[in-house]
């Protein structure tokens, strides 16, 4: 009987020793964090904060400098942790990198994930990409902390998934000139909140200079402008495909604001003439755009 007790005690002692050694190893292993950036939110919120507009074409973003600043911020907050990488989520036509997105993808410690863009330049599939990465990294214990720069309520499920595997999710927001730019349910769900202010972003965002056109240039005819509208429509359809056309047609004769603005900017470049304040030429431009699209349906 005493031998059995001695054997049992030896096993218990051995188990305790193994547990002690395992805990010591865990204590020596540094924690790991990652940064998750919803680029759609970033561009819209920083554009409005610094330049007063959410239109990406109206300002330049020094993505490399800003990413370095975000990494430095995380290093201060997670002082005893190492960076896994920065995940950059954005939308692109047919999920094909733009030149800017390709440049970002080539940065060290940055992984670009692309959702799609619909005819209205709205991101599709980005939130599900964020959820997939957050959940997978948390499940495999690849990260202990996630800094999430975003504001969409659809990100709540991503936060819950990561927390379910023991990761802590820290929401980073961008100062809003007025009101809020992050959904309340998202604010309620995360483990901590932090707002980055105007001074943080000002060095990395600058307004683009408006193109200068010769004020003495000859005013184009309505037919010339209609022809340019048709040209742009052909290019638009080639880049976006028939699915985008089917999505756009129900709005005829109106164009979504983002598409209309793209049309205006490209037409002014081709014509080398400003169409601002030229209501009749703007109508001719849209007519030419629509006429070409409708002949292709």
Protein backbone atom coordinates (compact mmCIF):
# COMPACT_ATOMS: atom_id res chain seq x y z
CA UNK A 1 0.00 0.00 0.00
CA UNK A 2 2.81 2.37 0.91
CA UNK A 3 4.55 1.50 -2.35
CA UNK A 4 1.42 2.46 -4.30
CA UNK A 5 1.22 5.78 -2.49
CA UNK A 6 4.88 6.42 -3.11
CA UNK A 7 4.44 5.64 -6.81
CA UNK A 8 1.41 7.95 -7.02
CA UNK A 9 3.29 10.74 -5.24
CA UNK A 10 6.22 10.34 -7.63
CA UNK A 11 3.89 10.68 -10.59
CA UNK A 12 2.31 13.80 -9.09
CA UNK A 13 5.73 15.29 -8.46
CA UNK A 14 6.77 14.51 -12.04
CA UNK A 15 3.59 16.11 -13.41
CA UNK A 16 4.13 19.22 -11.30
CA UNK A 17 7.70 19.45 -12.53
CA UNK A 18 6.60 19.24 -16.16
CA UNK A 19 3.91 21.87 -15.60
CA UNK A 20 6.43 24.18 -13.94
CA UNK A 21 8.84 23.81 -16.85
CA UNK A 22 6.06 24.39 -19.39
CA UNK A 23 4.88 27.55 -17.65
CA UNK A 24 8.46 28.81 -17.52
CA UNK A 25 8.76 28.30 -21.29
CA UNK A 26 5.46 30.06 -21.92
CA UNK A 27 6.60 32.98 -19.77
CA UNK A 28 9.74 33.33 -21.91
CA UNK A 29 7.76 33.30 -25.17
CA UNK A 30 6.94 36.90 -26.23
CA UNK A 31 3.34 37.75 -26.98
CA UNK A 32 2.52 38.70 -30.56
CA UNK A 33 0.26 41.38 -32.02
CA UNK A 34 -0.99 42.25 -35.50
CA UNK A 35 -2.56 45.38 -36.97
CA UNK A 36 -5.68 45.10 -39.14
CA UNK A 37 -6.50 48.14 -41.30
CA UNK A 38 -9.80 48.61 -43.12
CA UNK A 39 -8.46 50.91 -45.85
CA UNK A 40 -11.95 52.02 -46.90
CA UNK A 41 -12.58 53.38 -43.40
CA UNK A 42 -9.05 54.81 -43.21
CA UNK A 43 -9.27 56.77 -46.46
CA UNK A 44 -12.78 58.07 -45.81
CA UNK A 45 -12.16 59.11 -42.21
CA UNK A 46 -8.69 60.62 -42.69
CA UNK A 47 -9.77 62.40 -45.87
CA UNK A 48 -12.68 64.02 -44.09
CA UNK A 49 -10.59 64.85 -41.02
CA UNK A 50 -7.57 66.36 -42.79
CA UNK A 51 -8.90 67.66 -46.13
CA UNK A 52 -12.66 67.85 -45.61
CA UNK A 53 -13.56 65.24 -48.24
CA UNK A 54 -13.89 61.45 -48.41
CA UNK A 55 -13.12 61.38 -52.16
CA UNK A 56 -9.82 59.49 -52.59
CA UNK A 57 -9.07 61.36 -55.79
CA UNK A 58 -8.96 64.66 -53.92
CA UNK A 59 -6.01 63.84 -51.66
CA UNK A 60 -2.81 61.80 -51.42
CA UNK A 61 -2.06 59.36 -48.63
CA UNK A 62 1.52 58.49 -47.70
CA UNK A 63 0.66 54.88 -46.92
CA UNK A 64 4.24 53.85 -46.18
CA UNK A 65 4.76 56.64 -43.67
CA UNK A 66 1.36 56.05 -42.05
CA UNK A 67 1.95 52.30 -41.73
CA UNK A 68 5.27 52.99 -40.02
CA UNK A 69 3.47 55.35 -37.63
CA UNK A 70 0.84 52.69 -36.86
CA UNK A 71 3.59 50.14 -36.19
CA UNK A 72 5.32 52.59 -33.84
CA UNK A 73 2.04 53.26 -32.05
CA UNK A 74 1.48 49.54 -31.57
CA UNK A 75 5.05 49.13 -30.31
CA UNK A 76 4.34 51.73 -27.61
CA UNK A 77 1.04 50.12 -26.59
CA UNK A 78 2.19 46.48 -26.73
CA UNK A 79 5.62 47.11 -25.25
CA UNK A 80 6.41 43.46 -24.45
CA UNK A 81 5.03 42.10 -27.69
CA UNK A 82 6.39 41.55 -31.19
CA UNK A 83 4.66 42.48 -34.44
CA UNK A 84 3.45 39.64 -36.62
CA UNK A 85 2.50 41.90 -39.54
CA UNK A 86 0.13 44.62 -40.75
CA UNK A 87 -2.94 43.42 -42.68
CA UNK A 88 -4.24 46.00 -45.17
CA UNK A 89 -7.78 45.40 -46.49
CA UNK A 90 -9.01 47.30 -49.53
CA UNK A 91 -11.29 46.92 -52.55
CA UNK A 92 -10.30 46.68 -56.22
CA UNK A 93 -12.02 45.98 -59.51
CA UNK A 94 -11.94 42.23 -60.08
CA UNK A 95 -9.56 42.06 -57.11
CA UNK A 96 -6.69 43.28 -59.28
CA UNK A 97 -4.17 45.46 -57.42
CA UNK A 98 -4.00 49.12 -58.36
CA UNK A 99 -0.51 50.65 -58.63
CA UNK A 100 -0.94 52.15 -55.16
CA UNK A 101 -2.06 48.84 -53.65
CA UNK A 102 0.86 47.05 -55.31
CA UNK A 103 3.27 49.53 -53.74
CA UNK A 104 1.73 48.91 -50.31
CA UNK A 105 1.87 45.13 -50.83
CA UNK A 106 5.63 45.38 -51.44
CA UNK A 107 6.27 47.03 -48.06
CA UNK A 108 7.95 44.84 -45.41
CA UNK A 109 5.66 43.26 -42.80
CA UNK A 110 2.53 44.22 -44.78
CA UNK A 111 -0.04 41.83 -46.26
CA UNK A 112 -2.62 43.31 -48.66
CA UNK A 113 -6.00 41.57 -48.88
CA UNK A 114 -8.42 42.66 -51.60
CA UNK A 115 -12.18 42.55 -51.69
CA UNK A 116 -14.16 43.68 -54.71
CA UNK A 117 -15.60 47.05 -55.75
CA UNK A 118 -19.11 47.31 -57.18
CA UNK A 119 -20.32 49.84 -59.73
CA UNK A 120 -20.80 52.41 -56.95
CA UNK A 121 -17.20 52.01 -55.73
CA UNK A 122 -18.43 50.26 -52.58
CA UNK A 123 -16.27 47.57 -51.02
CA UNK A 124 -17.61 44.03 -51.04
CA UNK A 125 -16.15 41.11 -49.10
CA UNK A 126 -13.63 43.09 -47.04
CA UNK A 127 -15.32 42.44 -43.68
CA UNK A 128 -15.36 38.69 -44.31
CA UNK A 129 -11.62 38.78 -45.13
CA UNK A 130 -10.93 40.53 -41.83
CA UNK A 131 -13.01 37.98 -39.94
CA UNK A 132 -11.24 35.05 -41.62
CA UNK A 133 -7.78 36.36 -40.74
CA UNK A 134 -8.66 37.41 -37.20
CA UNK A 135 -10.31 34.10 -36.41
CA UNK A 136 -7.58 31.99 -38.00
CA UNK A 137 -4.70 33.80 -36.29
CA UNK A 138 -6.44 33.68 -32.92
CA UNK A 139 -7.35 30.00 -33.28
CA UNK A 140 -3.75 29.06 -34.06
CA UNK A 141 -2.43 31.23 -31.21
CA UNK A 142 -0.44 33.27 -33.73
CA UNK A 143 -1.49 36.51 -32.02
CA UNK A 144 -2.45 37.48 -28.49
CA UNK A 145 -3.57 41.03 -29.37
CA UNK A 146 -5.17 42.55 -32.46
CA UNK A 147 -5.25 46.28 -33.18
CA UNK A 148 -8.24 46.84 -35.48
CA UNK A 149 -8.52 50.14 -37.36
CA UNK A 150 -12.09 50.19 -38.65
CA UNK A 151 -15.61 51.26 -37.85
CA UNK A 152 -18.14 49.02 -39.61
CA UNK A 153 -20.74 47.18 -37.52
CA UNK A 154 -20.15 44.10 -39.70
CA UNK A 155 -16.78 43.73 -37.95
CA UNK A 156 -18.51 42.71 -34.71
CA UNK A 157 -18.57 39.05 -35.77
CA UNK A 158 -14.82 39.20 -36.51
CA UNK A 159 -14.15 40.56 -33.04
CA UNK A 160 -16.30 37.89 -31.41
CA UNK A 161 -14.58 35.13 -33.38
CA UNK A 162 -11.10 36.25 -32.31
CA UNK A 163 -12.13 36.73 -28.68
CA UNK A 164 -13.62 33.24 -28.66
CA UNK A 165 -10.11 31.86 -29.11
CA UNK A 166 -8.59 34.03 -26.38
CA UNK A 167 -7.21 36.97 -28.38
CA UNK A 168 -7.81 40.52 -27.17
CA UNK A 169 -9.10 42.97 -29.78
CA UNK A 170 -8.28 46.67 -29.45
CA UNK A 171 -10.28 49.05 -31.63
CA UNK A 172 -8.47 52.04 -33.08
CA UNK A 173 -10.55 54.86 -34.49
CA UNK A 174 -9.96 58.09 -36.37
CA UNK A 175 -11.09 61.40 -34.90
CA UNK A 176 -14.39 62.52 -36.42
CA UNK A 177 -14.90 66.27 -37.06
CA UNK A 178 -18.43 65.77 -35.77
CA UNK A 179 -20.39 62.83 -34.39
CA UNK A 180 -18.97 59.31 -34.67
CA UNK A 181 -17.50 57.31 -37.51
CA UNK A 182 -17.58 53.92 -35.74
CA UNK A 183 -20.63 51.77 -35.03
CA UNK A 184 -21.70 51.60 -31.38
CA UNK A 185 -22.09 47.77 -31.35
CA UNK A 186 -18.45 47.53 -32.42
CA UNK A 187 -17.38 49.89 -29.64
CA UNK A 188 -19.26 47.77 -27.10
CA UNK A 189 -17.69 44.49 -28.22
CA UNK A 190 -13.94 45.24 -28.22
CA UNK A 191 -11.55 44.95 -25.28
CA UNK A 192 -10.27 48.53 -25.52
CA UNK A 193 -10.75 51.67 -27.62
CA UNK A 194 -8.32 54.32 -28.79
CA UNK A 195 -8.82 57.35 -31.07
CA UNK A 196 -6.03 58.69 -33.26
CA UNK A 197 -6.33 62.43 -33.75
CA UNK A 198 -5.72 65.03 -36.44
CA UNK A 199 -2.11 65.61 -35.43
CA UNK A 200 -1.37 61.92 -35.91
CA UNK A 201 -2.60 61.88 -39.53
CA UNK A 202 -1.68 65.36 -40.80
CA UNK A 203 1.88 64.44 -41.87
CA UNK A 204 0.56 61.65 -44.13
CA UNK A 205 -2.46 63.22 -45.87
CA UNK A 206 -2.35 66.14 -48.32
CA UNK A 207 -4.91 67.62 -50.68
CA UNK A 208 -4.18 67.33 -54.39
CA UNK A 209 -3.95 70.50 -56.42
CA UNK A 210 -6.88 70.98 -58.77
CA UNK A 211 -5.89 70.59 -62.44
CA UNK A 212 -5.39 73.91 -64.19
CA UNK A 213 -7.07 74.38 -67.57
CA UNK A 214 -6.51 77.17 -70.01
CA UNK A 215 -9.29 79.67 -69.33
CA UNK A 216 -9.04 80.82 -72.93
CA UNK A 217 -9.57 77.33 -74.37
CA UNK A 218 -12.34 76.92 -76.94
CA UNK A 219 -15.56 75.64 -75.44
CA UNK A 220 -16.28 72.13 -76.76
CA UNK A 221 -19.55 71.45 -78.53
CA UNK A 222 -22.22 69.26 -77.01
CA UNK A 223 -21.51 66.63 -79.67
CA UNK A 224 -17.83 66.55 -78.74
CA UNK A 225 -18.70 66.12 -75.10
CA UNK A 226 -21.25 63.37 -75.88
CA UNK A 227 -18.58 61.55 -77.87
CA UNK A 228 -16.15 61.77 -74.93
CA UNK A 229 -18.89 60.43 -72.64
CA UNK A 230 -19.29 57.42 -74.96
CA UNK A 231 -15.52 56.88 -75.01
CA UNK A 232 -15.36 56.84 -71.24
CA UNK A 233 -18.36 54.49 -71.09
CA UNK A 234 -16.57 52.01 -73.37
CA UNK A 235 -13.50 52.12 -71.13
CA UNK A 236 -15.67 51.81 -68.00
CA UNK A 237 -17.46 48.76 -69.37
CA UNK A 238 -14.21 47.09 -70.44
CA UNK A 239 -12.73 47.54 -66.95
CA UNK A 240 -15.79 46.54 -64.92
CA UNK A 241 -17.69 44.05 -67.08
CA UNK A 242 -21.37 43.32 -67.73
CA UNK A 243 -22.16 42.53 -64.08
CA UNK A 244 -21.33 46.13 -63.17
CA UNK A 245 -23.46 47.32 -66.10
CA UNK A 246 -26.48 45.30 -64.91
CA UNK A 247 -26.02 46.81 -61.46
CA UNK A 248 -25.86 50.35 -62.87
CA UNK A 249 -28.78 50.28 -65.34
CA UNK A 250 -31.70 50.41 -62.86
CA UNK A 251 -30.56 53.89 -61.81
CA UNK A 252 -30.94 55.39 -65.32
CA UNK A 253 -30.88 58.32 -66.00
CA UNK A 254 -29.01 59.01 -62.78
CA UNK A 255 -25.44 57.95 -62.04
CA UNK A 256 -24.11 57.12 -58.55
CA UNK A 257 -22.13 60.04 -57.18
CA UNK A 258 -18.79 58.24 -57.34
CA UNK A 259 -19.30 57.16 -60.97
CA UNK A 260 -20.49 60.64 -61.97
CA UNK A 261 -17.43 62.23 -60.36
CA UNK A 262 -15.08 59.79 -62.13
CA UNK A 263 -16.82 60.59 -65.41
CA UNK A 264 -16.39 64.34 -64.87
CA UNK A 265 -12.71 64.15 -63.94
CA UNK A 266 -11.79 61.87 -66.85
CA UNK A 267 -13.79 63.97 -69.34
CA UNK A 268 -12.07 67.17 -68.21
CA UNK A 269 -8.69 65.49 -68.66
CA UNK A 270 -9.55 64.35 -72.19
CA UNK A 271 -11.11 67.67 -73.20
CA UNK A 272 -8.56 69.82 -71.32
CA UNK A 273 -11.52 71.96 -70.40
CA UNK A 274 -13.31 72.46 -67.09
CA UNK A 275 -16.95 71.37 -67.08
CA UNK A 276 -17.62 72.83 -63.64
CA UNK A 277 -20.61 75.13 -63.82
CA UNK A 278 -21.38 73.98 -67.39
CA UNK A 279 -24.73 72.27 -66.75
CA UNK A 280 -25.58 71.73 -70.43
CA UNK A 281 -22.21 70.10 -71.18
CA UNK A 282 -22.45 67.95 -68.05
CA UNK A 283 -25.85 66.70 -69.31
CA UNK A 284 -24.34 65.96 -72.73
CA UNK A 285 -21.52 64.04 -71.07
CA UNK A 286 -23.93 61.85 -69.12
CA UNK A 287 -26.12 61.33 -72.20
CA UNK A 288 -23.14 60.09 -74.20
CA UNK A 289 -22.10 57.80 -71.34
CA UNK A 290 -25.57 56.28 -70.99
CA UNK A 291 -26.19 55.95 -74.74
CA UNK A 292 -23.12 53.79 -75.19
CA UNK A 293 -23.91 51.59 -72.18
CA UNK A 294 -27.49 51.03 -73.27
CA UNK A 295 -26.42 49.91 -76.75
CA UNK A 296 -24.25 47.24 -75.09
CA UNK A 297 -26.98 45.73 -72.91
